[in-house]
C-alpha atoms as a PDB file:
ATOM      1  CA  MET A   1      -3.429   7.910  -8.394  1.00  0.00           C
ATOM      2  CA  LYS A   2      -7.031   9.013  -7.941  1.00  0.00           C
ATOM      3  CA  GLY A   3      -8.047   7.247 -11.144  1.00  0.00           C
ATOM      4  CA  LEU A   4      -6.309   4.051 -10.113  1.00  0.00           C
ATOM      5  CA  ARG A   5      -7.877   4.267  -6.703  1.00  0.00           C
ATOM      6  CA  ARG A   6     -11.317   4.143  -8.316  1.00  0.00           C
ATOM      7  CA  LYS A   7     -10.275   1.172 -10.482  1.00  0.00           C
ATOM      8  CA  PRO A   8      -7.355  -0.539  -8.730  1.00  0.00           C
ATOM      9  CA  ARG A   9      -7.462  -3.594 -11.018  1.00  0.00           C
ATOM     10  CA  ALA A  10      -6.061  -1.323 -13.734  1.00  0.00           C
ATOM     11  CA  PHE A  11      -2.787  -1.370 -11.777  1.00  0.00           C
ATOM     12  CA  ILE A  12      -2.411  -5.085 -12.552  1.00  0.00           C
ATOM     13  CA  TYR A  13      -2.225  -4.507 -16.295  1.00  0.00           C
ATOM     14  CA  CYS A  14      -0.792  -0.996 -16.330  1.00  0.00           C
ATOM     15  CA  THR A  15       2.096  -0.712 -18.791  1.00  0.00           C
ATOM     16  CA  TRP A  16       3.850   1.814 -16.524  1.00  0.00           C
ATOM     17  CA  GLN A  17       3.233  -0.127 -13.340  1.00  0.00           C
ATOM     18  CA  GLN A  18       6.921  -0.206 -12.409  1.00  0.00           C
ATOM     19  CA  ASP A  19       7.111   3.575 -12.833  1.00  0.00           C
ATOM     20  CA  LEU A  20       4.330   4.008 -10.262  1.00  0.00           C
ATOM     21  CA  LEU A  21       6.256   2.031  -7.660  1.00  0.00           C
ATOM     22  CA  PRO A  22       8.548   4.678  -6.165  1.00  0.00           C
ATOM     23  CA  ASN A  23      11.487   2.486  -5.148  1.00  0.00           C
ATOM     24  CA  ALA A  24      12.850  -1.027  -4.610  1.00  0.00           C
ATOM     25  CA  PRO A  25      11.001  -1.606  -1.312  1.00  0.00           C
ATOM     26  CA  TYR A  26       7.677  -0.913  -3.042  1.00  0.00           C
ATOM     27  CA  ARG A  27       8.588  -3.236  -5.908  1.00  0.00           C
ATOM     28  CA  GLN A  28       9.389  -5.945  -3.346  1.00  0.00           C
ATOM     29  CA  LEU A  29       6.128  -5.250  -1.533  1.00  0.00           C
ATOM     30  CA  TRP A  30       4.206  -5.626  -4.781  1.00  0.00           C
ATOM     31  CA  GLN A  31       5.856  -8.998  -5.362  1.00  0.00           C
ATOM     32  CA  GLN A  32       5.040 -10.126  -1.832  1.00  0.00           C
ATOM     33  CA  LEU A  33       1.446  -8.907  -2.008  1.00  0.00           C
ATOM     34  CA  GLN A  34       0.956 -10.872  -5.223  1.00  0.00           C
ATOM     35  CA  ALA A  35       2.333 -13.983  -3.506  1.00  0.00           C
ATOM     36  CA  ASP A  36       0.289 -13.565  -0.309  1.00  0.00           C
ATOM     37  CA  PHE A  37      -3.087 -12.405  -1.704  1.00  0.00           C
ATOM     38  CA  ASP A  38      -5.216 -12.946  -4.753  1.00  0.00           C
ATOM     39  CA  ILE A  39      -4.221 -10.502  -7.493  1.00  0.00           C
ATOM     40  CA  ASP A  40      -7.284  -8.269  -7.082  1.00  0.00           C
ATOM     41  CA  SER A  41      -6.751  -7.857  -3.339  1.00  0.00           C
ATOM     42  CA  ALA A  42      -3.038  -7.241  -3.867  1.00  0.00           C
ATOM     43  CA  ALA A  43      -3.814  -4.497  -6.380  1.00  0.00           C
ATOM     44  CA  VAL A  44      -6.351  -2.816  -4.080  1.00  0.00           C
ATOM     45  CA  LEU A  45      -3.895  -2.809  -1.202  1.00  0.00           C
ATOM     46  CA  MET A  46      -0.953  -1.565  -3.282  1.00  0.00           C
ATOM     47  CA  VAL A  47      -2.958   1.221  -4.907  1.00  0.00           C
ATOM     48  CA  GLU A  48      -4.293   2.325  -1.510  1.00  0.00           C
ATOM     49  CA  ALA A  49      -0.760   2.286  -0.081  1.00  0.00           C
ATOM     50  CA  LEU A  50       0.581   4.286  -3.020  1.00  0.00           C
ATOM     51  CA  TYR A  51      -2.272   6.779  -2.748  1.00  0.00           C
ATOM     52  CA  ILE A  52      -1.723   7.379   0.962  1.00  0.00           C
ATOM     53  CA  ALA A  53       2.051   7.513   0.541  1.00  0.00           C
ATOM     54  CA  ALA A  54       1.706  10.122  -2.225  1.00  0.00           C
ATOM     55  CA  THR A  55      -1.041  12.288  -0.757  1.00  0.00           C
ATOM     56  CA  GLN A  56       0.346  12.331   2.781  1.00  0.00           C
ATOM     57  CA  ASP A  57       4.034  12.317   1.914  1.00  0.00           C
ATOM     58  CA  LYS A  58       4.480   9.140   3.985  1.00  0.00           C
ATOM     59  CA  GLU A  59       6.221   6.930   1.445  1.00  0.00           C
ATOM     60  CA  SER A  60       8.679   5.377   3.886  1.00  0.00           C
ATOM     61  CA  ALA A  61       6.209   5.052   6.759  1.00  0.00           C
ATOM     62  CA  VAL A  62       3.608   3.262   4.624  1.00  0.00           C
ATOM     63  CA  ALA A  63       6.211   0.871   3.205  1.00  0.00           C
ATOM     64  CA  GLU A  64       7.641   0.130   6.659  1.00  0.00           C
ATOM     65  CA  TYR A  65       4.158  -0.511   8.028  1.00  0.00           C
ATOM     66  CA  LEU A  66       3.293  -2.942   5.241  1.00  0.00           C
ATOM     67  CA  VAL A  67       6.609  -4.768   5.508  1.00  0.00           C
ATOM     68  CA  ALA A  68       6.117  -5.190   9.266  1.00  0.00           C
ATOM     69  CA  GLN A  69       2.525  -6.405   8.900  1.00  0.00           C
ATOM     70  CA  LEU A  70       3.393  -8.877   6.159  1.00  0.00           C
ATOM     71  CA  ALA A  71       6.421 -10.161   8.078  1.00  0.00           C
ATOM     72  CA  ALA A  72       4.304 -10.702  11.187  1.00  0.00           C
ATOM     73  CA  GLY A  73       2.810 -13.818   9.689  1.00  0.00           C
ATOM     74  CA  THR A  74      -0.748 -14.110   8.566  1.00  0.00           C
ATOM     75  CA  PRO A  75      -1.654 -10.645   7.308  1.00  0.00           C
ATOM     76  CA  ASN A  76      -5.331  -9.840   7.130  1.00  0.00           C
ATOM     77  CA  PHE A  77      -6.265  -7.970   3.956  1.00  0.00           C
ATOM     78  CA  ILE A  78      -9.313  -6.299   5.476  1.00  0.00           C
ATOM     79  CA  TYR A  79      -7.312  -5.136   8.515  1.00  0.00           C
ATOM     80  CA  LEU A  80      -4.464  -3.816   6.364  1.00  0.00           C
ATOM     81  CA  ALA A  81      -6.790  -2.020   3.946  1.00  0.00           C
ATOM     82  CA  THR A  82      -8.820  -0.521   6.814  1.00  0.00           C
ATOM     83  CA  THR A  83      -5.708   0.619   8.650  1.00  0.00           C
ATOM     84  CA  LEU A  84      -4.215   2.204   5.537  1.00  0.00           C
ATOM     85  CA  SER A  85      -7.512   3.949   4.783  1.00  0.00           C
ATOM     86  CA  ALA A  86      -7.688   5.248   8.353  1.00  0.00           C
ATOM     87  CA  LEU A  87      -4.196   6.694   7.990  1.00  0.00           C
ATOM     88  CA  GLU A  88      -5.393   8.835   5.103  1.00  0.00           C
ATOM     89  CA  GLY A  89      -7.379  11.069   7.398  1.00  0.00           C
ATOM     90  CA  ASN A  90      -4.783  11.309  10.150  1.00  0.00           C
ATOM     91  CA  ASP A  91      -1.902  13.670   9.402  1.00  0.00           C
ATOM     92  CA  SER A  92      -0.492  13.607  12.948  1.00  0.00           C
ATOM     93  CA  THR A  93       0.127   9.869  13.222  1.00  0.00           C
ATOM     94  CA  ASP A  94       2.572   7.802  11.221  1.00  0.00           C
ATOM     95  CA  CYS A  95       1.863   4.254  10.044  1.00  0.00           C
ATOM     96  CA  ALA A  96       3.306   2.662  13.147  1.00  0.00           C
ATOM     97  CA  GLY A  97       0.946   4.715  15.295  1.00  0.00           C
ATOM     98  CA  ALA A  98       3.602   7.075  16.633  1.00  0.00           C
ATOM     99  CA  THR A  99       2.767  10.746  16.749  1.00  0.00           C
ATOM    100  CA  THR A 100       4.825  12.818  14.347  1.00  0.00           C
END
């Protein structure tokens, strides 16, 4: 994931893209991100989400957070990316902001 994080556009054309998405909710998120954002922004957000989910063992929390934000209406890419990045450094808070 570290390599993809440096070059997230590679995720768009990756032959094992589906193998990197851990489950059906992540595959659905990827589809929704592609529909809601330009492809480059969708890739950056998905790679960041996958990185945080993998390195912090927060797969479900990250997915739930993204689903909630996207369902809320007009998601803001910069806000989502910033929030996900902030989560990387915070092991005591889950994606919804609740202390774990």
